[in-house]
């Protein structure tokens, strides 16, 4: 029989052994990898409501318990052992199908909205391009204009061979201009053609008329015959150092009279000049086509020049008395609005649309020899090649021509330029946005037409 001392020591030894065993188990547990500890904790304490079990359904072995727990948590035992952790979500396929369906619907909706907005942009730009459009409408119009008309910079072909297009349709030149030659297809023939100067105010057109009549001796049918527009027959009148026909080409009624008398086909007429493009073109016929030429200037520079010209004109003294600055003039009823586009498209009143702009460009492309006031020397060189066919050649002619073209042109007025970005500039830009785009198009045509006036010098 053991003594009390032996029993106490035995109990004490057993307690020490038990504490050592507990410490060893605890250390082994914390020495496990983190993922195993997490797994063990998960197995011991499964989340509520993940799965409901009965006591009878619990696995009987530890291995079965581990495998069953993994399956319940969505893991495959074999996948777990191979390192893959693909979750088996029974809702995964429907979610993917739903996501793909929403993606398709989104793309279709975006395309539909894009098509709707594009068509709405076309309509809005047409309606917002009138002379009284506000600045926001004008900005919208300028932004989307390139979607309606051909973009010069993007053309893969030469501009002279590229018709203007609007809404995927080639623009046709109005039939009223059929009496004008196609400058790229029909070379100038003085026996069949009459030079037709379309005069644009403050662009050098008056100087061209003076040079043709005073310096070169050509017979003109222009506004010069206003005071002699009488009688039932055409006559050549000499006066003021020039020769002209007794017709007045400065207004539709005078032009109609000239057409009735056959001024376009009369062999004594060298040049016809008028601002009314369509009426003036009506005096020609297929057997005697007009060969159209015109001088161009930046629309804002032209508007500023016109302002100073009106201030010095006594006929407008009463109207100009309250307009002391260009900015005031730009806000008045006297300021022009897209003058060139209106006359080229034969739409002198009302709102302008992209169609008017496209027609104006097509008329220039097919029917007009372009001259630029900014390129005086080259412009005059080209015009001389047309004038020289009938003009006299003398030193007096060249002196006269140089004087009127370079340093003593008629209607000259000196003034300060309007700075780009100023209030006056911006206002004039809004009033002449169509003409500004048309002017840039004319500059491109001027470059392209250089090939029509190339000179080949051969040595004999």
Foldseek 3Di string as FASTA:
>chain_A
DDDPVVVVVVVVVVVVVVVVVVVVVVVVLVVDDPVVNVLVVCLVPPDPPLDDDDPVPQDDDPVVSSQVVCVSQQAHPVCVVVPHGDGDDVCVVVVVVVVVVVVVVVVVVVVVVVVVVLVVLQVLLFVQQFLPHDPVSLVSNVVCLCVAWPDCVPDPDAPLPDAIGGPNDGDDADPLLVLFAFPVPDPDDQVAEAAEEQEDPPQCSQLVVCLLFQQFPAEEAEQVLVVQQDDQEWDWDDDPRGIYINFYQADLVSLVSLLVRLVQPDSSHRYYYYNQVSSNQNSGDPRYGYQYEYEDEQQQQSQVLVLVLLCPDPVCVVVCVPPPDLLSVLPDPPGAFQSQLCSQQVNVDDGDGSSSLSNSLNCCSTGYQYHYLVPQVVRVLQVCVVSVVRGDDDPSSVVSSCCCRPPPPPSDDDDDHDDPPDSSNVSSCSRHVSVNVSVVSSVSSNVVCVVVVDDDDDDD
